Protein backbone atom coordinates (compact mmCIF):
# COMPACT_ATOMS: atom_id res chain seq x y z
CA MET A 1 0.03 -0.01 -0.05
CA SER A 2 1.32 3.46 -0.91
CA THR A 3 2.55 5.70 2.04
CA PRO A 4 2.20 9.53 2.47
CA ASN A 5 5.63 9.97 1.14
CA GLU A 6 4.86 7.96 -1.84
CA LEU A 7 1.56 9.94 -2.60
CA GLY A 8 2.81 13.25 -1.73
CA SER A 9 2.04 15.16 1.49
CA ASP A 10 -0.40 17.64 -0.28
CA LEU A 11 -2.57 14.72 -1.71
CA TRP A 12 -2.61 12.79 1.53
CA GLU A 13 -3.84 15.86 3.43
CA GLY A 14 -6.56 16.23 0.80
CA PHE A 15 -7.73 12.64 1.59
CA ASN A 16 -7.71 13.36 5.26
CA ASP A 17 -9.99 16.41 4.57
CA LEU A 18 -12.73 14.26 2.99
CA THR A 19 -15.80 13.61 5.09
CA PRO A 20 -19.14 11.76 4.36
CA GLU A 21 -20.50 15.21 3.62
CA THR A 22 -18.16 16.11 0.97
CA ILE A 23 -18.52 12.60 -0.71
CA THR A 24 -22.30 12.20 -0.66
CA GLY A 25 -23.53 15.66 0.30
CA PRO A 26 -24.65 16.98 3.73
CA THR A 27 -25.87 14.38 6.17
CA TRP A 28 -29.38 13.99 7.08
CA ASP A 29 -30.82 14.84 10.50
CA GLU A 30 -33.86 12.86 11.72
CA PRO A 31 -36.86 14.58 10.07
CA VAL A 32 -39.52 16.28 12.05
CA PRO A 33 -42.90 14.36 11.73
CA LEU A 34 -45.80 16.18 10.14
CA SER A 35 -48.77 16.48 12.25
CA ALA A 36 -50.02 12.93 13.03
CA ARG A 37 -52.78 11.56 10.94
CA ARG A 38 -55.57 9.41 12.40
CA GLN A 39 -55.65 5.81 11.66
CA LEU A 40 -59.20 5.53 10.63
CA PRO A 41 -61.28 2.35 10.98
CA ALA A 42 -62.60 0.63 7.90
CA PHE A 43 -66.28 0.26 7.39
CA PRO A 44 -67.66 -2.51 9.52
CA VAL A 45 -69.36 -4.60 6.88
CA HIS A 46 -70.04 -7.41 9.29
CA ALA A 47 -72.47 -4.95 11.13
CA LEU A 48 -74.94 -5.19 8.33
CA PRO A 49 -77.44 -7.92 7.76
CA ALA A 50 -76.07 -10.71 5.58
CA TRP A 51 -77.90 -9.83 2.23
CA LEU A 52 -76.78 -6.30 2.61
CA GLY A 53 -73.25 -6.88 3.83
CA ASP A 54 -72.57 -9.47 1.05
CA MET A 55 -73.68 -6.79 -1.59
CA VAL A 56 -71.34 -4.11 -0.02
CA ALA A 57 -68.43 -6.51 0.12
CA GLY A 58 -69.06 -7.76 -3.44
CA VAL A 59 -69.52 -4.24 -4.98
CA ALA A 60 -66.26 -3.09 -3.12
CA GLU A 61 -64.30 -5.97 -4.63
CA GLU A 62 -65.46 -5.77 -8.06
CA THR A 63 -65.01 -2.03 -8.39
CA GLN A 64 -61.89 -1.95 -6.23
CA THR A 65 -63.18 0.75 -4.13
CA PRO A 66 -63.24 1.13 -0.20
CA ALA A 67 -66.15 -0.60 1.34
CA ASP A 68 -66.88 2.68 3.06
CA LEU A 69 -68.42 3.85 -0.18
CA ALA A 70 -70.86 0.92 -0.71
CA GLY A 71 -71.41 0.69 3.02
CA CYS A 72 -72.65 4.30 3.44
CA LEU A 73 -74.74 3.92 0.35
CA ALA A 74 -76.25 0.74 1.74
CA LEU A 75 -77.46 2.79 4.80
CA GLY A 76 -78.82 5.41 2.38
CA VAL A 77 -80.79 3.03 0.31
CA ILE A 78 -82.54 1.53 3.27
CA ALA A 79 -83.04 4.98 4.70
CA THR A 80 -84.78 5.76 1.20
CA ALA A 81 -87.10 2.80 1.55
CA ALA A 82 -87.93 3.41 5.10
CA GLY A 83 -87.54 7.27 5.57
CA GLY A 84 -90.88 8.93 6.70
CA ARG A 85 -92.25 5.45 7.18
CA ALA A 86 -90.84 4.37 10.49
CA THR A 87 -89.54 6.08 13.66
CA VAL A 88 -87.60 4.62 16.58
CA CYS A 89 -89.00 5.06 20.04
CA VAL A 90 -85.88 5.26 22.18
CA ARG A 91 -87.41 5.92 25.47
CA GLY A 92 -90.26 7.99 26.75
CA HIS A 93 -91.10 10.74 24.15
CA TRP A 94 -87.67 10.47 22.45
CA ARG A 95 -88.29 9.39 18.87
CA GLU A 96 -86.00 9.37 16.00
CA PRO A 97 -86.98 9.18 12.29
CA VAL A 98 -84.87 6.70 10.26
CA ASN A 99 -83.64 9.08 7.41
CA LEU A 100 -79.94 9.76 7.35
CA TYR A 101 -77.34 12.16 5.82
CA THR A 102 -74.13 10.46 4.81
CA ALA A 103 -71.12 11.94 2.84
CA VAL A 104 -68.17 9.93 1.63
CA ALA A 105 -65.01 11.82 0.66
CA LEU A 106 -63.04 10.24 -2.17
CA PRO A 107 -60.63 11.65 -4.87
CA PRO A 108 -61.60 11.41 -8.48
CA GLY A 109 -61.01 8.12 -10.22
CA ASN A 110 -62.67 5.98 -7.51
CA ARG A 111 -65.51 4.64 -9.74
CA LYS A 112 -68.11 6.45 -7.46
CA SER A 113 -70.76 6.31 -10.32
CA ALA A 114 -70.28 2.56 -10.80
CA VAL A 115 -70.94 2.01 -7.09
CA PHE A 116 -73.90 4.24 -7.05
CA ALA A 117 -75.36 2.49 -10.09
CA LEU A 118 -75.13 -0.98 -8.48
CA MET A 119 -76.35 0.09 -5.05
CA THR A 120 -79.28 2.27 -6.23
CA GLY A 121 -80.42 0.22 -9.22
CA PRO A 122 -83.20 -1.73 -7.24
CA LEU A 123 -84.54 1.59 -5.92
CA LEU A 124 -84.88 3.04 -9.51
CA ALA A 125 -86.62 -0.33 -10.59
CA VAL A 126 -89.18 0.02 -7.75
CA GLU A 127 -89.77 3.65 -8.61
CA LYS A 128 -90.55 2.59 -12.17
CA THR A 129 -92.96 -0.01 -10.93
CA LEU A 130 -94.59 2.51 -8.72
CA VAL A 131 -95.06 4.97 -11.59
CA GLU A 132 -96.71 2.14 -13.63
CA LEU A 133 -98.95 1.10 -10.77
CA SER A 134 -100.05 4.68 -10.16
CA GLY A 135 -100.88 5.21 -13.85
CA PRO A 136 -104.56 4.48 -13.61
CA VAL A 137 -105.05 6.57 -10.47
CA ARG A 138 -103.34 9.53 -11.84
CA ALA A 139 -105.28 9.21 -15.17
CA GLU A 140 -108.56 8.98 -13.37
CA ALA A 141 -107.57 12.09 -11.21
CA GLU A 142 -106.57 14.13 -14.31
CA THR A 143 -109.78 13.25 -15.99
CA THR A 144 -111.86 14.16 -12.91
CA ALA A 145 -110.03 17.39 -12.49
CA ARG A 146 -110.34 18.36 -16.18
CA LEU A 147 -114.04 17.63 -16.12
CA ALA A 148 -114.64 19.52 -12.91
CA LYS A 149 -112.76 22.61 -14.31
CA ALA A 150 -114.80 22.36 -17.53
CA ALA A 151 -118.03 22.28 -15.49
CA ALA A 152 -116.85 25.22 -13.35
CA ASP A 153 -115.98 27.15 -16.53
CA LYS A 154 -119.46 26.29 -18.21
CA ALA A 155 -121.23 27.36 -14.98
CA ALA A 156 -119.33 30.64 -14.93
CA GLN A 157 -120.28 31.40 -18.52
CA LYS A 158 -123.96 30.48 -17.80
CA ALA A 159 -124.00 32.97 -14.65
CA ALA A 160 -122.34 35.60 -16.78
CA GLY A 161 -125.17 35.62 -19.41
CA ALA A 162 -128.01 34.84 -17.01
CA GLU A 163 -130.94 37.35 -16.40
CA PRO A 164 -130.59 39.52 -13.32
CA GLY A 165 -132.93 37.38 -11.30
CA LEU A 166 -130.96 34.26 -11.73
CA ARG A 167 -127.53 35.60 -11.79
CA ASP A 168 -126.82 35.61 -8.09
CA GLN A 169 -127.96 31.90 -7.79
CA LEU A 170 -125.97 30.77 -10.85
CA THR A 171 -122.81 32.75 -9.64
CA ALA A 172 -122.93 30.96 -6.23
CA GLU A 173 -123.25 27.69 -8.05
CA ALA A 174 -120.26 28.59 -10.32
CA VAL A 175 -118.21 29.59 -7.39
CA GLN A 176 -118.96 26.30 -5.60
CA LEU A 177 -117.96 24.22 -8.66
CA ALA A 178 -114.69 26.36 -9.20
CA GLN A 179 -113.77 25.71 -5.47
CA GLN A 180 -114.40 21.99 -5.76
CA ALA A 181 -112.36 21.81 -9.04
CA ASP A 182 -109.51 23.70 -7.26
CA GLU A 183 -109.46 21.19 -4.37
CA LEU A 184 -109.02 18.29 -6.73
CA ALA A 185 -105.40 17.25 -6.64
CA VAL A 186 -103.70 15.08 -9.26
CA PRO A 187 -101.16 12.84 -7.67
CA ALA A 188 -97.64 13.39 -8.95
CA LYS A 189 -95.65 10.55 -10.30
CA PRO A 190 -93.97 8.56 -7.46
CA GLN A 191 -90.32 9.46 -7.10
CA LEU A 192 -87.79 7.94 -4.54
CA ILE A 193 -84.56 9.62 -5.56
CA ALA A 194 -83.62 13.03 -6.71
CA ASP A 195 -80.16 14.35 -7.88
CA ASP A 196 -78.66 17.58 -7.12
CA VAL A 197 -81.77 19.72 -6.61
CA THR A 198 -82.34 23.38 -5.48
CA PRO A 199 -84.04 23.96 -2.04
CA GLU A 200 -87.04 25.17 -3.76
CA SER A 201 -87.31 22.01 -5.99
CA LEU A 202 -86.80 19.75 -2.89
CA ALA A 203 -89.58 21.47 -1.09
CA THR A 204 -91.82 20.95 -4.05
CA LEU A 205 -90.78 17.33 -4.27
CA LEU A 206 -91.58 16.93 -0.55
CA ALA A 207 -95.06 18.34 -1.03
CA GLU A 208 -95.59 15.95 -4.03
CA GLN A 209 -94.12 12.80 -2.43
CA GLY A 210 -95.90 12.83 0.83
CA GLY A 211 -92.95 14.42 2.66
CA ARG A 212 -90.42 11.93 1.63
CA ILE A 213 -87.47 12.09 -0.75
CA SER A 214 -83.97 11.08 -1.06
CA VAL A 215 -81.08 12.96 -2.63
CA MET A 216 -78.37 10.60 -3.81
CA SER A 217 -75.51 11.84 -6.03
CA ALA A 218 -71.96 10.76 -6.92
CA GLU A 219 -70.98 14.35 -7.49
CA GLY A 220 -71.99 16.29 -4.36
CA GLU A 221 -72.91 19.50 -6.11
CA ILE A 222 -75.77 19.82 -3.74
CA PHE A 223 -73.25 21.69 -1.27
CA ASP A 224 -72.73 24.29 -3.92
CA ILE A 225 -76.44 24.73 -4.37
CA ILE A 226 -76.91 24.97 -0.45
CA ALA A 227 -74.17 27.50 -0.47
CA GLY A 228 -76.12 29.72 -2.82
CA ARG A 229 -75.02 28.90 -6.37
CA TYR A 230 -78.37 30.06 -7.83
CA SER A 231 -79.69 32.21 -4.98
CA GLY A 232 -76.54 34.07 -4.03
CA ALA A 233 -77.12 33.31 -0.29
CA PRO A 234 -77.01 30.05 1.65
CA ASN A 235 -80.45 28.35 1.79
CA MET A 236 -80.38 25.34 4.07
CA GLY A 237 -83.65 25.60 5.92
CA VAL A 238 -85.42 22.72 4.12
CA PHE A 239 -82.42 20.46 4.64
CA LEU A 240 -82.21 21.23 8.30
CA LYS A 241 -85.97 20.51 8.84
CA GLY A 242 -85.77 17.44 6.56
CA HIS A 243 -83.36 15.85 8.80
CA ALA A 244 -85.06 16.47 11.95
CA GLY A 245 -88.54 16.05 10.88
CA ASP A 246 -89.59 19.59 11.86
CA MET A 247 -92.69 21.01 10.16
CA ALA A 248 -92.03 22.74 6.82
CA ARG A 249 -93.95 25.29 4.95
CA VAL A 250 -93.92 25.07 1.19
CA ASN A 251 -95.12 27.89 -1.01
CA ARG A 252 -95.74 26.72 -4.51
CA GLN A 253 -96.53 29.02 -7.42
CA GLY A 254 -100.41 29.43 -7.97
CA ARG A 255 -101.19 27.21 -5.04
CA ASP A 256 -101.96 27.96 -1.32
CA PRO A 257 -99.07 27.33 1.07
CA GLN A 258 -98.72 23.72 2.15
CA HIS A 259 -97.42 22.37 5.48
CA ILE A 260 -95.53 19.21 5.71
CA GLU A 261 -95.82 17.97 9.18
CA ALA A 262 -92.91 15.64 9.34
CA PRO A 263 -90.64 15.89 6.30
CA ALA A 264 -88.06 13.05 5.85
CA VAL A 265 -85.17 13.85 3.57
CA THR A 266 -82.31 11.26 3.10
CA MET A 267 -78.92 12.27 1.56
CA ALA A 268 -76.32 9.81 0.49
CA LEU A 269 -73.43 11.73 -1.23
CA ALA A 270 -69.95 10.95 -2.57
CA ILE A 271 -67.93 14.20 -2.63
CA GLN A 272 -64.26 15.13 -3.30
CA PRO A 273 -62.26 15.62 -0.13
CA GLU A 274 -61.76 19.30 -0.83
CA VAL A 275 -65.53 19.82 -0.82
CA LEU A 276 -65.39 19.15 2.95
CA ASP A 277 -63.20 22.25 3.40
CA SER A 278 -65.54 24.29 1.25
CA ILE A 279 -68.74 23.37 3.09
CA GLY A 280 -66.99 24.32 6.40
CA ARG A 281 -66.71 27.72 5.12
CA VAL A 282 -70.48 28.02 4.01
CA LYS A 283 -72.07 30.78 6.16
CA GLY A 284 -74.25 29.30 8.79
CA ALA A 285 -73.39 25.65 7.91
CA ASP A 286 -71.81 24.99 11.27
CA GLY A 287 -73.72 27.61 13.51
CA ARG A 288 -77.15 26.29 12.25
CA GLY A 289 -76.17 22.64 12.41
CA LEU A 290 -75.90 21.46 8.88
CA LEU A 291 -72.50 20.08 9.36
CA ALA A 292 -73.55 18.26 12.43
CA ARG A 293 -76.41 16.30 10.65
CA PHE A 294 -73.92 14.38 8.40
CA LEU A 295 -72.38 11.06 9.10
CA TYR A 296 -68.97 11.33 7.43
CA ALA A 297 -66.51 8.75 5.99
CA LYS A 298 -63.09 9.56 4.71
CA PRO A 299 -61.46 6.31 3.51
CA LEU A 300 -58.12 5.96 1.83
CA SER A 301 -58.25 5.68 -1.97
CA LEU A 302 -57.22 2.36 -3.57
CA VAL A 303 -56.17 4.01 -6.83
CA GLY A 304 -52.66 2.87 -7.51
CA SER A 305 -53.00 -0.34 -5.68
CA ARG A 306 -56.07 -1.98 -7.10
CA ASN A 307 -56.44 -5.55 -8.10
CA LEU A 308 -56.88 -5.65 -11.86
CA THR A 309 -58.57 -8.93 -11.86
CA PRO A 310 -60.88 -8.86 -8.92
CA ASP A 311 -63.72 -11.38 -7.97
CA LEU A 312 -66.89 -10.30 -9.75
CA LEU A 313 -70.13 -9.70 -8.00
CA SER A 314 -72.18 -12.95 -8.01
CA GLU A 315 -75.55 -13.21 -9.46
CA GLU A 316 -76.74 -14.76 -6.26
CA THR A 317 -75.67 -11.72 -4.22
CA THR A 318 -77.16 -9.26 -6.70
CA ALA A 319 -80.41 -11.15 -6.92
CA ALA A 320 -80.88 -11.36 -3.14
CA TYR A 321 -80.10 -7.65 -2.63
CA THR A 322 -82.53 -6.61 -5.49
CA ARG A 323 -85.29 -8.95 -4.18
CA THR A 324 -84.82 -8.01 -0.46
CA LEU A 325 -84.41 -4.09 -1.07
CA GLY A 326 -87.20 -4.10 -3.53
CA GLY A 327 -89.49 -5.96 -1.29
CA LEU A 328 -88.93 -3.66 1.55
CA THR A 329 -89.36 -0.52 -0.37
CA MET A 330 -92.60 -1.82 -2.02
CA ALA A 331 -93.93 -3.02 1.45
CA LEU A 332 -93.41 0.51 2.92
CA ALA A 333 -94.33 2.72 -0.12
CA ASP A 334 -97.93 3.27 0.64
CA TRP A 335 -97.56 3.94 4.42
CA THR A 336 -98.74 7.22 5.55
CA ASP A 337 -98.53 6.90 9.22
CA PRO A 338 -94.99 5.74 10.31
CA ALA A 339 -94.41 2.56 12.15
CA VAL A 340 -93.06 2.96 15.67
CA LEU A 341 -89.98 0.64 16.24
CA THR A 342 -89.40 -0.04 19.87
CA LEU A 343 -86.41 -1.32 21.70
CA SER A 344 -86.28 -4.53 23.70
CA PRO A 345 -85.13 -4.17 27.26
CA GLU A 346 -81.78 -5.47 26.38
CA ALA A 347 -81.50 -3.08 23.45
CA ASP A 348 -82.39 -0.25 25.68
CA THR A 349 -79.58 -1.30 28.04
CA VAL A 350 -77.07 -1.32 25.23
CA MET A 351 -78.36 2.22 24.02
CA LEU A 352 -78.17 3.56 27.64
CA ALA A 353 -74.66 2.45 28.04
CA TYR A 354 -73.57 4.09 24.71
CA GLN A 355 -75.41 7.45 25.78
CA LYS A 356 -73.25 7.29 29.05
CA VAL A 357 -70.09 7.05 26.99
CA THR A 358 -71.04 9.92 24.69
CA GLU A 359 -72.06 12.05 27.69
CA SER A 360 -68.67 11.38 29.53
CA ARG A 361 -66.73 12.54 26.45
CA LEU A 362 -68.57 15.79 25.72
CA GLY A 363 -67.24 17.76 28.58
CA LYS A 364 -64.28 19.98 28.66
CA GLY A 365 -61.14 18.04 27.78
CA GLY A 366 -63.20 15.06 26.56
CA THR A 367 -62.44 13.42 23.23
CA LEU A 368 -65.72 14.59 21.63
CA ALA A 369 -65.52 18.09 23.07
CA PRO A 370 -63.90 19.48 19.71
CA VAL A 371 -67.01 18.19 17.68
CA VAL A 372 -69.70 18.80 20.45
CA LYS A 373 -72.32 19.91 17.96
CA TRP A 374 -71.91 16.70 15.94
CA ALA A 375 -71.34 14.45 18.96
CA SER A 376 -74.69 15.86 20.49
CA LYS A 377 -76.58 14.10 17.60
CA ARG A 378 -74.44 10.91 17.88
CA ASP A 379 -76.87 8.97 20.02
CA GLY A 380 -79.76 9.89 17.90
CA ALA A 381 -77.83 8.71 14.73
CA VAL A 382 -77.18 5.40 16.39
CA ALA A 383 -80.79 5.01 17.21
CA ARG A 384 -81.67 5.72 13.43
CA ILE A 385 -79.10 3.22 12.29
CA ALA A 386 -80.46 0.64 14.64
CA GLY A 387 -84.00 1.21 13.09
CA LEU A 388 -82.57 0.82 9.62
CA LEU A 389 -80.53 -2.44 10.41
CA HIS A 390 -83.69 -3.84 12.18
CA LEU A 391 -85.92 -3.29 9.08
CA ALA A 392 -83.15 -4.64 6.81
CA ALA A 393 -82.75 -7.85 9.06
CA HIS A 394 -86.71 -8.26 9.06
CA PRO A 395 -87.84 -6.80 5.71
CA ASP A 396 -91.21 -8.67 5.92
CA ASN A 397 -92.39 -7.80 9.50
CA GLY A 398 -89.81 -5.61 11.24
CA TRP A 399 -92.48 -3.17 12.16
CA THR A 400 -94.06 -5.76 14.39
CA LEU A 401 -90.90 -6.74 16.17
CA PRO A 402 -88.79 -4.89 18.83
CA ILE A 403 -85.18 -3.98 17.99
CA GLU A 404 -82.90 -6.52 19.64
CA ALA A 405 -79.69 -5.99 21.58
CA ALA A 406 -77.48 -7.58 18.79
CA THR A 407 -78.93 -5.01 16.33
CA MET A 408 -78.30 -2.12 18.63
CA ALA A 409 -74.77 -3.26 19.35
CA ALA A 410 -74.13 -3.34 15.56
CA ALA A 411 -75.55 0.14 15.39
CA THR A 412 -73.18 1.36 18.09
CA GLU A 413 -70.26 -0.17 16.25
CA LEU A 414 -71.28 1.93 13.25
CA GLY A 415 -71.55 4.93 15.54
CA ASP A 416 -68.04 4.44 16.63
CA TYR A 417 -66.81 4.23 13.05
CA PHE A 418 -68.65 7.48 12.07
CA THR A 419 -67.32 9.18 15.18
CA ALA A 420 -63.68 8.52 14.22
CA HIS A 421 -64.24 9.73 10.72
CA ALA A 422 -66.03 12.86 11.98
CA LEU A 423 -63.11 13.74 14.22
CA GLU A 424 -60.79 13.62 11.15
CA VAL A 425 -63.17 15.48 8.90
CA PHE A 426 -63.73 18.42 11.35
CA ASP A 427 -59.79 18.40 12.09
CA ALA A 428 -59.19 18.90 8.33
CA MET A 429 -61.86 21.55 8.03
CA GLY A 430 -59.72 23.66 10.38
CA ALA A 431 -56.30 22.52 9.45
CA ASP A 432 -53.61 24.33 7.33
CA PRO A 433 -54.16 23.13 3.63
CA ALA A 434 -50.43 22.62 3.35
CA GLN A 435 -50.35 19.89 5.96
CA GLU A 436 -52.70 17.75 3.92
CA ALA A 437 -50.78 18.52 0.68
CA ALA A 438 -47.51 17.81 2.45
CA HIS A 439 -48.90 14.35 3.65
CA GLN A 440 -49.88 13.56 0.11
CA VAL A 441 -46.55 14.36 -1.38
CA LEU A 442 -44.62 12.39 1.39
CA ALA A 443 -46.83 9.38 0.83
CA HIS A 444 -46.09 9.61 -2.90
CA LEU A 445 -42.21 9.94 -2.32
CA LYS A 446 -42.49 6.76 0.02
CA ASP A 447 -44.62 4.73 -2.41
CA GLN A 448 -42.38 5.40 -5.27
CA ARG A 449 -39.18 5.17 -3.18
CA LEU A 450 -37.87 8.41 -4.69
CA THR A 451 -34.49 9.43 -3.48
CA GLY A 452 -34.48 12.50 -5.72
CA PHE A 453 -36.86 14.17 -8.06
CA THR A 454 -37.43 17.33 -10.01
CA LYS A 455 -40.47 19.51 -9.34
CA ARG A 456 -41.83 18.82 -12.66
CA GLU A 457 -41.46 14.94 -12.30
CA LEU A 458 -43.37 15.31 -9.00
CA PHE A 459 -46.20 17.14 -10.49
CA ARG A 460 -46.66 14.56 -13.20
CA GLY A 461 -46.86 11.76 -10.68
CA LEU A 462 -49.48 13.32 -8.58
CA SER A 463 -53.18 13.68 -9.06
CA ARG A 464 -54.27 16.81 -11.02
CA GLY A 465 -57.43 16.88 -8.90
CA ASP A 466 -55.29 17.50 -5.85
CA PHE A 467 -52.53 19.68 -7.56
CA PRO A 468 -54.08 21.48 -10.56
CA ALA A 469 -51.04 23.54 -11.23
CA MET A 470 -47.33 23.02 -10.54
CA ALA A 471 -47.37 26.01 -8.22
CA ASP A 472 -49.79 24.24 -5.91
CA LEU A 473 -46.82 22.02 -4.85
CA ASP A 474 -45.04 24.94 -3.35
CA PRO A 475 -46.68 25.09 0.04
CA ALA A 476 -46.06 21.34 0.57
CA LEU A 477 -42.56 21.26 -0.60
CA THR A 478 -41.77 24.35 1.56
CA LEU A 479 -43.28 22.54 4.70
CA LEU A 480 -41.46 19.27 3.86
CA GLU A 481 -38.22 21.12 3.51
CA GLU A 482 -38.78 22.90 6.89
CA HIS A 483 -39.41 19.47 8.45
CA GLY A 484 -36.30 17.88 6.95
CA TRP A 485 -38.03 15.42 4.51
CA VAL A 486 -36.69 17.03 1.22
CA ARG A 487 -33.85 19.37 0.49
CA GLN A 488 -33.63 21.49 -2.60
CA GLN A 489 -30.37 21.32 -4.63
CA PRO A 490 -28.71 24.43 -5.76
CA GLN A 491 -29.84 25.66 -9.11
CA PRO A 492 -27.03 25.25 -11.81
CA PRO A 493 -26.01 28.33 -13.65
CA ARG A 494 -28.30 29.08 -16.57
CA SER A 495 -26.97 28.73 -20.16
CA GLY A 496 -28.90 30.13 -23.03
CA ARG A 497 -32.26 31.62 -23.09
CA GLY A 498 -34.50 28.33 -22.78
CA ARG A 499 -36.72 27.45 -20.14
CA PRO A 500 -34.88 27.24 -16.81
CA PRO A 501 -34.45 23.74 -15.51
CA SER A 502 -37.04 22.45 -13.03
CA PRO A 503 -35.84 22.67 -9.51
CA ARG A 504 -34.38 19.43 -8.15
CA TYR A 505 -34.77 18.02 -4.66
CA ASP A 506 -33.24 15.14 -2.64
CA SER A 507 -35.47 13.07 -0.45
CA HIS A 508 -34.55 11.94 3.10
CA PRO A 509 -33.05 8.32 2.96
CA SER A 510 -35.97 7.03 5.10
CA THR A 511 -38.39 7.61 2.28
CA ALA A 512 -36.57 4.84 0.38
CA PRO A 513 -34.98 2.49 2.74
CA PRO A 514 -32.88 -0.29 1.40
CA LEU A 515 -35.01 -3.38 0.33
CA ALA A 516 -34.61 -6.38 2.55
CA SER A 517 -32.43 -9.03 0.78
CA ALA A 518 -34.11 -12.25 -0.26
């Protein structure tokens, strides 16, 4: 081996000056963790009755989507079938209707429309059947109304041309016939599901459909409408009353105001995650309690890790789902007075224990204190879910049986699931947007095991829905650099007039740890 004298003293001294930093660049300190993200529970499919749970699991597998989406829609379709047709008597005068508001937040590309089509298909088939069955009744009512109006018009003409001595009598007869004609109502075509409707249209649908309607949408534009897209100001009154069952007044053009004693609106929505932030900023949405009425789910997207050859939804599962959901919907379609579902003593014990847990966590320092408005409705939501699970488990005679303890326990498990997701959603509404963006970028770096990248390469690898423009990466990269997860390299000197090179970054070694040897 060469000695210092052989190499020359100056050269040897140069080797002595070499450090790991001069060979590989500056060393990395331990990065500072970003704010912790909650580990959110998966949707408890096992809490659903078998025919419903099998459909949820099958749809989630075939579409390669989180079970949370199909699971929340499953609750929504049962609420569509039973909303306004049943209430749960919890204890004393405490009663809960069984309509629900659910919102699942998923980025674009998660096949939301396909899941909606599979889960709502039987409801649309029942709606078509109800329209056909009501055809003769509507035709008779239309004919009767037309004849009554013609008789009233004829009587008015006769009174107008009558001799003075007969005019008063004929006028009175004409007025009476006109009043009778005006009182004749032609039933509207039955409708179970509406899409993104205005508050005014929703009120009209409630009046036409006996106070019951469901809003189900894979887009979630309803929040923009509530925020005042068409009116210029938030208009959420009918949505607040439609959830609580409070009496609503409907003013329809050309008709006397109509009162809906106990409106029942169900909403089952799939929205993009950023919509949650926007609705949190809608004036009055929090203060008036609209946000507190929703059951939220914010599952992780499977895009990028989906099985391209999944098991397909079986015909047996689809047939059982279609038959059972259709039968329940048809059985309750003509009910005008809601069935009252009671709790067995054992179910009441389970419910009371859950209430005690909720109450103990609402006070100062409690885990539910940050979402006290939402949590104050948690027990009521669990009672509603119990009613829906009960009817789904007994679609032929559930209204004659009490809700059992096992059903109430399943409802409380779903209540815990929605509680965890609500805490995450309300946290995100008040969080720094750069935090969420930084989490997404960091997750991408780890998934792709990137030790270095240019800003342009990073932009191309991320979702355009989350980062529409390259400049949208700046807050996330700045935060990641401040926390020691990435490091921007010095920009090389520019040569020529072309576009400057994209900034290049190094990633912390922990984002791409060495692979374990086989």
